[in-house]
N, C-alpha and C. Protein backbone atom coordinates (compact mmCIF):
# COMPACT_ATOMS: atom_id res chain seq x y z
N LYS A 1 0.84 -1.19 0.00
CA LYS A 1 0.00 0.00 0.00
C LYS A 1 0.88 1.25 0.00
N GLU A 2 0.43 2.27 -0.75
CA GLU A 2 1.19 3.52 -0.85
C GLU A 2 1.18 4.25 0.49
N SER A 3 2.29 4.91 0.78
CA SER A 3 2.33 5.76 1.96
C SER A 3 1.50 7.00 1.70
N SER A 4 1.15 7.69 2.76
CA SER A 4 0.37 8.92 2.61
C SER A 4 1.13 9.95 1.79
N ALA A 5 2.45 10.05 2.01
CA ALA A 5 3.27 11.00 1.25
C ALA A 5 3.26 10.67 -0.23
N ALA A 6 3.41 9.37 -0.56
CA ALA A 6 3.38 8.95 -1.97
C ALA A 6 2.02 9.22 -2.58
N SER A 7 0.98 8.98 -1.81
CA SER A 7 -0.37 9.24 -2.29
C SER A 7 -0.56 10.72 -2.60
N ASP A 8 -0.05 11.59 -1.73
CA ASP A 8 -0.14 13.04 -1.96
C ASP A 8 0.61 13.45 -3.23
N VAL A 9 1.78 12.85 -3.43
CA VAL A 9 2.57 13.15 -4.63
C VAL A 9 1.79 12.75 -5.87
N TYR A 10 1.21 11.54 -5.87
CA TYR A 10 0.46 11.09 -7.04
C TYR A 10 -0.78 11.94 -7.28
N LYS A 11 -1.44 12.39 -6.20
CA LYS A 11 -2.59 13.27 -6.37
C LYS A 11 -2.16 14.60 -7.00
N ARG A 12 -1.02 15.11 -6.56
CA ARG A 12 -0.50 16.37 -7.12
C ARG A 12 -0.17 16.18 -8.60
N GLN A 13 0.39 15.04 -8.95
CA GLN A 13 0.74 14.78 -10.35
C GLN A 13 -0.51 14.54 -11.20
N ASP A 14 -1.55 13.95 -10.60
CA ASP A 14 -2.81 13.81 -11.33
C ASP A 14 -3.37 15.19 -11.68
N LYS A 15 -3.27 16.13 -10.74
CA LYS A 15 -3.74 17.50 -10.99
C LYS A 15 -2.89 18.15 -12.08
N MET A 16 -1.59 17.91 -12.05
CA MET A 16 -0.71 18.45 -13.09
C MET A 16 -1.14 17.90 -14.46
N LEU A 17 -1.45 16.61 -14.52
CA LEU A 17 -1.88 16.02 -15.79
C LEU A 17 -3.24 16.57 -16.23
N ASP A 18 -4.12 16.84 -15.27
CA ASP A 18 -5.39 17.50 -15.62
C ASP A 18 -5.11 18.86 -16.25
N ASN A 19 -4.20 19.62 -15.65
CA ASN A 19 -3.82 20.93 -16.19
C ASN A 19 -3.19 20.79 -17.57
N TYR A 20 -2.38 19.76 -17.75
CA TYR A 20 -1.74 19.51 -19.04
C TYR A 20 -2.79 19.22 -20.10
N GLU A 21 -3.76 18.40 -19.76
CA GLU A 21 -4.80 18.08 -20.73
C GLU A 21 -5.63 19.32 -21.09
N GLU A 22 -5.94 20.15 -20.10
CA GLU A 22 -6.64 21.41 -20.37
C GLU A 22 -5.82 22.30 -21.29
N TYR A 23 -4.51 22.36 -21.03
CA TYR A 23 -3.62 23.15 -21.88
C TYR A 23 -3.64 22.63 -23.32
N VAL A 24 -3.54 21.32 -23.49
CA VAL A 24 -3.53 20.73 -24.83
C VAL A 24 -4.82 21.06 -25.56
N ASP A 25 -5.96 20.94 -24.88
CA ASP A 25 -7.24 21.29 -25.51
C ASP A 25 -7.25 22.76 -25.94
N GLU A 26 -6.75 23.63 -25.08
CA GLU A 26 -6.68 25.06 -25.39
C GLU A 26 -5.71 25.31 -26.56
N TYR A 27 -4.58 24.62 -26.54
CA TYR A 27 -3.60 24.80 -27.60
C TYR A 27 -4.16 24.34 -28.95
N ILE A 28 -4.88 23.23 -28.97
CA ILE A 28 -5.46 22.73 -30.21
C ILE A 28 -6.43 23.77 -30.79
N LYS A 29 -7.27 24.36 -29.93
CA LYS A 29 -8.21 25.39 -30.39
C LYS A 29 -7.45 26.60 -30.94
N PHE A 30 -6.41 27.02 -30.22
CA PHE A 30 -5.58 28.14 -30.67
C PHE A 30 -4.96 27.84 -32.02
N TYR A 31 -4.35 26.67 -32.15
CA TYR A 31 -3.64 26.29 -33.37
C TYR A 31 -4.61 26.25 -34.56
N LYS A 32 -5.79 25.68 -34.31
CA LYS A 32 -6.78 25.59 -35.39
C LYS A 32 -7.19 27.00 -35.85
N LYS A 33 -7.45 27.90 -34.90
CA LYS A 33 -7.81 29.28 -35.26
C LYS A 33 -6.68 29.95 -36.03
N ALA A 34 -5.46 29.77 -35.54
CA ALA A 34 -4.30 30.39 -36.20
C ALA A 34 -4.14 29.87 -37.62
N MET A 35 -4.31 28.56 -37.80
CA MET A 35 -4.16 27.97 -39.13
C MET A 35 -5.26 28.42 -40.08
N GLU A 36 -6.40 28.80 -39.52
CA GLU A 36 -7.51 29.30 -40.35
C GLU A 36 -7.37 30.79 -40.62
N GLY A 37 -6.31 31.41 -40.09
CA GLY A 37 -6.08 32.82 -40.32
C GLY A 37 -6.83 33.74 -39.38
N ASP A 38 -7.40 33.19 -38.31
CA ASP A 38 -8.14 33.98 -37.34
C ASP A 38 -7.14 34.76 -36.48
N LEU A 39 -7.06 36.07 -36.71
CA LEU A 39 -6.08 36.89 -36.00
C LEU A 39 -6.34 36.99 -34.50
N SER A 40 -7.57 36.71 -34.07
CA SER A 40 -7.87 36.76 -32.63
C SER A 40 -7.09 35.68 -31.87
N ALA A 41 -6.67 34.64 -32.57
CA ALA A 41 -5.91 33.56 -31.92
C ALA A 41 -4.60 34.09 -31.35
N PHE A 42 -4.02 35.06 -32.00
CA PHE A 42 -2.71 35.54 -31.57
C PHE A 42 -2.76 36.31 -30.26
N SER A 43 -3.95 36.79 -29.88
CA SER A 43 -4.08 37.45 -28.59
C SER A 43 -3.96 36.43 -27.45
N LEU A 44 -4.17 35.18 -27.76
CA LEU A 44 -4.07 34.10 -26.76
C LEU A 44 -2.66 33.54 -26.62
N TYR A 45 -1.80 33.88 -27.56
CA TYR A 45 -0.48 33.24 -27.66
C TYR A 45 0.36 33.37 -26.39
N SER A 46 0.47 34.56 -25.83
CA SER A 46 1.34 34.73 -24.66
C SER A 46 0.82 33.94 -23.47
N ASN A 47 -0.49 33.88 -23.29
CA ASN A 47 -1.08 33.11 -22.21
C ASN A 47 -0.79 31.62 -22.39
N ILE A 48 -0.92 31.14 -23.60
CA ILE A 48 -0.66 29.73 -23.89
C ILE A 48 0.80 29.39 -23.65
N MET A 49 1.69 30.27 -24.08
CA MET A 49 3.12 30.00 -23.89
C MET A 49 3.51 30.03 -22.42
N GLU A 50 2.89 30.90 -21.64
CA GLU A 50 3.15 30.96 -20.20
C GLU A 50 2.72 29.65 -19.53
N LYS A 51 1.54 29.15 -19.91
CA LYS A 51 1.07 27.88 -19.37
C LYS A 51 2.01 26.75 -19.78
N ALA A 52 2.46 26.77 -21.02
CA ALA A 52 3.36 25.72 -21.52
C ALA A 52 4.64 25.69 -20.71
N THR A 53 5.20 26.85 -20.42
CA THR A 53 6.45 26.92 -19.66
C THR A 53 6.26 26.35 -18.26
N LYS A 54 5.19 26.74 -17.58
CA LYS A 54 4.92 26.24 -16.23
C LYS A 54 4.71 24.73 -16.23
N LEU A 55 3.93 24.25 -17.20
CA LEU A 55 3.67 22.81 -17.27
C LEU A 55 4.94 22.03 -17.58
N GLN A 56 5.75 22.55 -18.48
CA GLN A 56 6.99 21.86 -18.83
C GLN A 56 7.88 21.71 -17.61
N THR A 57 7.99 22.77 -16.82
CA THR A 57 8.80 22.72 -15.61
C THR A 57 8.24 21.69 -14.63
N SER A 58 6.94 21.70 -14.42
CA SER A 58 6.31 20.74 -13.50
C SER A 58 6.50 19.30 -13.97
N MET A 59 6.32 19.10 -15.27
CA MET A 59 6.43 17.75 -15.81
C MET A 59 7.86 17.23 -15.74
N LEU A 60 8.83 18.09 -16.04
CA LEU A 60 10.22 17.67 -15.95
C LEU A 60 10.62 17.35 -14.51
N ASP A 61 10.16 18.19 -13.58
CA ASP A 61 10.43 17.92 -12.16
C ASP A 61 9.84 16.59 -11.74
N ALA A 62 8.60 16.33 -12.15
CA ALA A 62 7.94 15.07 -11.79
C ALA A 62 8.70 13.87 -12.37
N GLN A 63 9.13 13.99 -13.62
CA GLN A 63 9.87 12.89 -14.25
C GLN A 63 11.23 12.71 -13.60
N ASN A 64 11.94 13.80 -13.37
CA ASN A 64 13.28 13.71 -12.79
C ASN A 64 13.27 13.18 -11.36
N ASN A 65 12.17 13.40 -10.65
CA ASN A 65 12.06 12.94 -9.26
C ASN A 65 11.29 11.62 -9.14
N ASP A 66 11.06 10.97 -10.27
CA ASP A 66 10.31 9.70 -10.29
C ASP A 66 8.99 9.80 -9.52
N GLU A 67 8.26 10.87 -9.78
CA GLU A 67 7.00 11.10 -9.07
C GLU A 67 5.78 10.68 -9.89
N LEU A 68 5.98 10.03 -11.02
CA LEU A 68 4.86 9.58 -11.84
C LEU A 68 4.79 8.06 -11.78
N ASN A 69 3.57 7.55 -11.56
CA ASN A 69 3.42 6.10 -11.62
C ASN A 69 3.16 5.69 -13.08
N LEU A 70 3.09 4.43 -13.33
CA LEU A 70 2.94 3.95 -14.72
C LEU A 70 1.65 4.44 -15.37
N ILE A 71 0.59 4.49 -14.60
CA ILE A 71 -0.69 4.97 -15.15
C ILE A 71 -0.57 6.43 -15.54
N GLN A 72 0.11 7.22 -14.73
CA GLN A 72 0.29 8.64 -15.05
C GLN A 72 1.19 8.83 -16.26
N ILE A 73 2.22 8.02 -16.38
CA ILE A 73 3.10 8.10 -17.56
C ILE A 73 2.31 7.78 -18.82
N GLN A 74 1.48 6.75 -18.73
CA GLN A 74 0.64 6.37 -19.88
C GLN A 74 -0.31 7.51 -20.23
N ARG A 75 -0.90 8.14 -19.22
CA ARG A 75 -1.82 9.26 -19.47
C ARG A 75 -1.08 10.42 -20.13
N MET A 76 0.14 10.70 -19.67
CA MET A 76 0.92 11.79 -20.26
C MET A 76 1.18 11.50 -21.74
N ILE A 77 1.53 10.28 -22.07
CA ILE A 77 1.78 9.90 -23.46
C ILE A 77 0.50 10.06 -24.29
N GLU A 78 -0.64 9.64 -23.72
CA GLU A 78 -1.91 9.76 -24.45
C GLU A 78 -2.25 11.23 -24.72
N ILE A 79 -1.98 12.10 -23.76
CA ILE A 79 -2.25 13.53 -23.94
C ILE A 79 -1.33 14.09 -25.04
N GLN A 80 -0.06 13.68 -25.02
CA GLN A 80 0.88 14.14 -26.04
C GLN A 80 0.44 13.67 -27.42
N LEU A 81 -0.04 12.43 -27.51
CA LEU A 81 -0.52 11.90 -28.79
C LEU A 81 -1.77 12.64 -29.26
N LYS A 82 -2.62 13.03 -28.32
CA LYS A 82 -3.82 13.79 -28.65
C LYS A 82 -3.44 15.08 -29.37
N MET A 83 -2.45 15.78 -28.83
CA MET A 83 -2.02 17.03 -29.45
C MET A 83 -1.35 16.77 -30.80
N THR A 84 -0.48 15.80 -30.85
CA THR A 84 0.21 15.48 -32.11
C THR A 84 -0.79 15.11 -33.20
N ASN A 85 -1.73 14.24 -32.87
CA ASN A 85 -2.73 13.81 -33.85
C ASN A 85 -3.60 14.97 -34.32
N ALA A 86 -3.99 15.84 -33.40
CA ALA A 86 -4.83 16.99 -33.76
C ALA A 86 -4.10 17.89 -34.75
N ILE A 87 -2.82 18.12 -34.49
CA ILE A 87 -2.03 18.99 -35.38
C ILE A 87 -1.82 18.33 -36.73
N LEU A 88 -1.57 17.04 -36.74
CA LEU A 88 -1.37 16.33 -38.00
C LEU A 88 -2.64 16.30 -38.86
N GLU A 89 -3.80 16.32 -38.21
CA GLU A 89 -5.07 16.26 -38.93
C GLU A 89 -5.44 17.60 -39.57
N MET A 90 -4.77 18.68 -39.16
CA MET A 90 -5.12 20.01 -39.69
C MET A 90 -4.41 20.30 -40.98
């Protein structure tokens, strides 16, 4: 059974992955608008890049500190594939 500390770490990483998935959904919408020539998309760019930087730091820290379990690693890969596939389909 997981210790309470390990459980807290995994809960924190689940929240990070929730944030990552929200970011990917937002990024896909932004990218689609930008590719369609919608100039309003560019007003979102700095906000999206700020989120990307924060998430990248959190994700690297989690990976470097072995704070992700196998299910979370699988979820991270699925989220990355979601973004890749969405961009390839456009």
